[in-house]
Amino acid sequence: LTALEKSTGDVVLKFEPFVLHVLCQELQDAQLLHSVAINSGFRNSGITVGRGGKVMKAVRSTHCLEVPLTHKGKLMVSEEYIEFLVHIANGKMEENT
């Protein structure tokens, strides 16, 4: 809150979820890992086939959070709401595990 009071610009609370990149030997390996990831709740997961046939599996969840707090130095939300957002972000961090 002290840092927000000193802000002269725009401040956004942003939480980005866990991301795991796995280089797979074969496409079948990536597809199996993809099924496991999706069934475990990591719904933003995907498979990329790069140059030379490299198969990369990305495991990502949908637990994002991005909320503006100040605009041009003016606090746009209450202290109670910031505490609520921190609680939500900490919960999302726990979900990552």
C-alpha atoms as a PDB file:
ATOM      1  CA  LEU A   1       0.000   0.000   0.000  1.00  0.00           C
ATOM      2  CA  THR A   2       2.898   2.343   0.727  1.00  0.00           C
ATOM      3  CA  ALA A   3       4.311   1.730  -2.753  1.00  0.00           C
ATOM      4  CA  LEU A   4       0.897   2.369  -4.308  1.00  0.00           C
ATOM      5  CA  GLU A   5       0.647   5.726  -2.518  1.00  0.00           C
ATOM      6  CA  LYS A   6       3.981   6.759  -4.058  1.00  0.00           C
ATOM      7  CA  SER A   7       3.002   5.658  -7.556  1.00  0.00           C
ATOM      8  CA  THR A   8       2.563   8.314 -10.224  1.00  0.00           C
ATOM      9  CA  GLY A   9       1.551   5.973 -13.022  1.00  0.00           C
ATOM     10  CA  ASP A  10      -0.608   2.945 -13.609  1.00  0.00           C
ATOM     11  CA  VAL A  11      -0.173  -0.093 -11.353  1.00  0.00           C
ATOM     12  CA  VAL A  12      -1.591  -3.525 -12.123  1.00  0.00           C
ATOM     13  CA  LEU A  13      -1.616  -6.569  -9.851  1.00  0.00           C
ATOM     14  CA  LYS A  14      -0.732  -9.452 -12.121  1.00  0.00           C
ATOM     15  CA  PHE A  15      -0.502 -13.144 -11.319  1.00  0.00           C
ATOM     16  CA  GLU A  16       0.696 -15.575 -13.948  1.00  0.00           C
ATOM     17  CA  PRO A  17       0.368 -19.296 -13.378  1.00  0.00           C
ATOM     18  CA  PHE A  18       2.869 -22.102 -13.408  1.00  0.00           C
ATOM     19  CA  VAL A  19       4.405 -22.936 -16.812  1.00  0.00           C
ATOM     20  CA  LEU A  20       6.380 -26.095 -17.556  1.00  0.00           C
ATOM     21  CA  HIS A  21       8.101 -26.726 -20.886  1.00  0.00           C
ATOM     22  CA  VAL A  22       9.071 -30.304 -21.689  1.00  0.00           C
ATOM     23  CA  LEU A  23      11.095 -31.385 -24.724  1.00  0.00           C
ATOM     24  CA  CYS A  24       9.625 -34.745 -25.793  1.00  0.00           C
ATOM     25  CA  GLN A  25      11.404 -37.377 -27.848  1.00  0.00           C
ATOM     26  CA  GLU A  26       8.299 -38.282 -29.826  1.00  0.00           C
ATOM     27  CA  LEU A  27       4.904 -36.773 -30.593  1.00  0.00           C
ATOM     28  CA  GLN A  28       3.217 -39.686 -28.793  1.00  0.00           C
ATOM     29  CA  ASP A  29       5.051 -38.757 -25.583  1.00  0.00           C
ATOM     30  CA  ALA A  30       3.834 -35.165 -25.884  1.00  0.00           C
ATOM     31  CA  GLN A  31       0.260 -36.321 -26.565  1.00  0.00           C
ATOM     32  CA  LEU A  32       0.288 -38.533 -23.468  1.00  0.00           C
ATOM     33  CA  LEU A  33       1.642 -35.704 -21.323  1.00  0.00           C
ATOM     34  CA  HIS A  34      -0.943 -33.384 -22.871  1.00  0.00           C
ATOM     35  CA  SER A  35      -3.779 -35.708 -21.834  1.00  0.00           C
ATOM     36  CA  VAL A  36      -2.434 -35.890 -18.289  1.00  0.00           C
ATOM     37  CA  ALA A  37      -2.047 -32.096 -18.105  1.00  0.00           C
ATOM     38  CA  ILE A  38      -5.564 -31.384 -19.402  1.00  0.00           C
ATOM     39  CA  ASN A  39      -7.096 -33.965 -17.054  1.00  0.00           C
ATOM     40  CA  SER A  40      -5.180 -32.395 -14.151  1.00  0.00           C
ATOM     41  CA  GLY A  41      -6.685 -28.971 -14.830  1.00  0.00           C
ATOM     42  CA  PHE A  42      -3.920 -27.361 -16.898  1.00  0.00           C
ATOM     43  CA  ARG A  43      -6.293 -26.266 -19.667  1.00  0.00           C
ATOM     44  CA  ASN A  44      -3.967 -23.825 -21.479  1.00  0.00           C
ATOM     45  CA  SER A  45      -1.485 -26.565 -22.327  1.00  0.00           C
ATOM     46  CA  GLY A  46      -0.298 -27.205 -25.851  1.00  0.00           C
ATOM     47  CA  ILE A  47       2.146 -28.966 -28.165  1.00  0.00           C
ATOM     48  CA  THR A  48       4.526 -27.285 -30.593  1.00  0.00           C
ATOM     49  CA  VAL A  49       6.563 -29.017 -33.288  1.00  0.00           C
ATOM     50  CA  GLY A  50       9.583 -26.936 -34.188  1.00  0.00           C
ATOM     51  CA  ARG A  51      12.376 -27.033 -36.710  1.00  0.00           C
ATOM     52  CA  GLY A  52      14.062 -30.354 -37.059  1.00  0.00           C
ATOM     53  CA  GLY A  53      11.047 -32.124 -35.610  1.00  0.00           C
ATOM     54  CA  LYS A  54      11.585 -31.046 -31.986  1.00  0.00           C
ATOM     55  CA  VAL A  55       8.375 -31.650 -30.028  1.00  0.00           C
ATOM     56  CA  MET A  56       7.837 -29.210 -27.167  1.00  0.00           C
ATOM     57  CA  LYS A  57       5.044 -29.643 -24.642  1.00  0.00           C
ATOM     58  CA  ALA A  58       3.902 -26.634 -22.606  1.00  0.00           C
ATOM     59  CA  VAL A  59       1.887 -27.267 -19.445  1.00  0.00           C
ATOM     60  CA  ARG A  60      -0.031 -24.143 -18.389  1.00  0.00           C
ATOM     61  CA  SER A  61      -3.059 -23.480 -16.249  1.00  0.00           C
ATOM     62  CA  THR A  62      -5.788 -20.873 -16.574  1.00  0.00           C
ATOM     63  CA  HIS A  63      -5.180 -19.363 -13.136  1.00  0.00           C
ATOM     64  CA  CYS A  64      -4.413 -15.854 -14.387  1.00  0.00           C
ATOM     65  CA  LEU A  65      -5.243 -12.619 -12.601  1.00  0.00           C
ATOM     66  CA  GLU A  66      -4.705  -9.086 -13.874  1.00  0.00           C
ATOM     67  CA  VAL A  67      -6.350  -6.186 -12.043  1.00  0.00           C
ATOM     68  CA  PRO A  68      -5.633  -2.444 -12.344  1.00  0.00           C
ATOM     69  CA  LEU A  69      -5.038  -0.800  -8.944  1.00  0.00           C
ATOM     70  CA  THR A  70      -4.006   2.767  -9.787  1.00  0.00           C
ATOM     71  CA  HIS A  71      -4.473   5.061 -12.771  1.00  0.00           C
ATOM     72  CA  LYS A  72      -2.166   8.056 -13.219  1.00  0.00           C
ATOM     73  CA  GLY A  73      -1.158   7.735  -9.579  1.00  0.00           C
ATOM     74  CA  LYS A  74      -4.714   7.642  -8.210  1.00  0.00           C
ATOM     75  CA  LEU A  75      -5.679   4.554  -6.187  1.00  0.00           C
ATOM     76  CA  MET A  76      -8.806   3.136  -7.839  1.00  0.00           C
ATOM     77  CA  VAL A  77      -9.673   0.416  -5.285  1.00  0.00           C
ATOM     78  CA  SER A  78     -10.008   0.138  -1.514  1.00  0.00           C
ATOM     79  CA  GLU A  79      -7.475  -1.372   0.882  1.00  0.00           C
ATOM     80  CA  GLU A  80     -10.039  -4.077   1.643  1.00  0.00           C
ATOM     81  CA  TYR A  81     -10.252  -4.968  -2.070  1.00  0.00           C
ATOM     82  CA  ILE A  82      -6.454  -5.167  -2.337  1.00  0.00           C
ATOM     83  CA  GLU A  83      -6.391  -7.567   0.620  1.00  0.00           C
ATOM     84  CA  PHE A  84      -9.091  -9.614  -1.136  1.00  0.00           C
ATOM     85  CA  LEU A  85      -7.025  -9.711  -4.356  1.00  0.00           C
ATOM     86  CA  VAL A  86      -3.914 -10.814  -2.459  1.00  0.00           C
ATOM     87  CA  HIS A  87      -5.950 -13.619  -0.880  1.00  0.00           C
ATOM     88  CA  ILE A  88      -7.185 -14.693  -4.342  1.00  0.00           C
ATOM     89  CA  ALA A  89      -3.652 -14.527  -5.829  1.00  0.00           C
ATOM     90  CA  ASN A  90      -2.244 -16.584  -2.942  1.00  0.00           C
ATOM     91  CA  GLY A  91      -4.990 -19.158  -3.510  1.00  0.00           C
ATOM     92  CA  LYS A  92      -4.052 -19.357  -7.174  1.00  0.00           C
ATOM     93  CA  MET A  93      -0.414 -19.854  -6.170  1.00  0.00           C
ATOM     94  CA  GLU A  94      -1.486 -22.780  -3.975  1.00  0.00           C
ATOM     95  CA  GLU A  95      -3.450 -24.240  -6.908  1.00  0.00           C
ATOM     96  CA  ASN A  96      -0.220 -24.221  -8.924  1.00  0.00           C
ATOM     97  CA  THR A  97       1.187 -26.887  -6.633  1.00  0.00           C
END
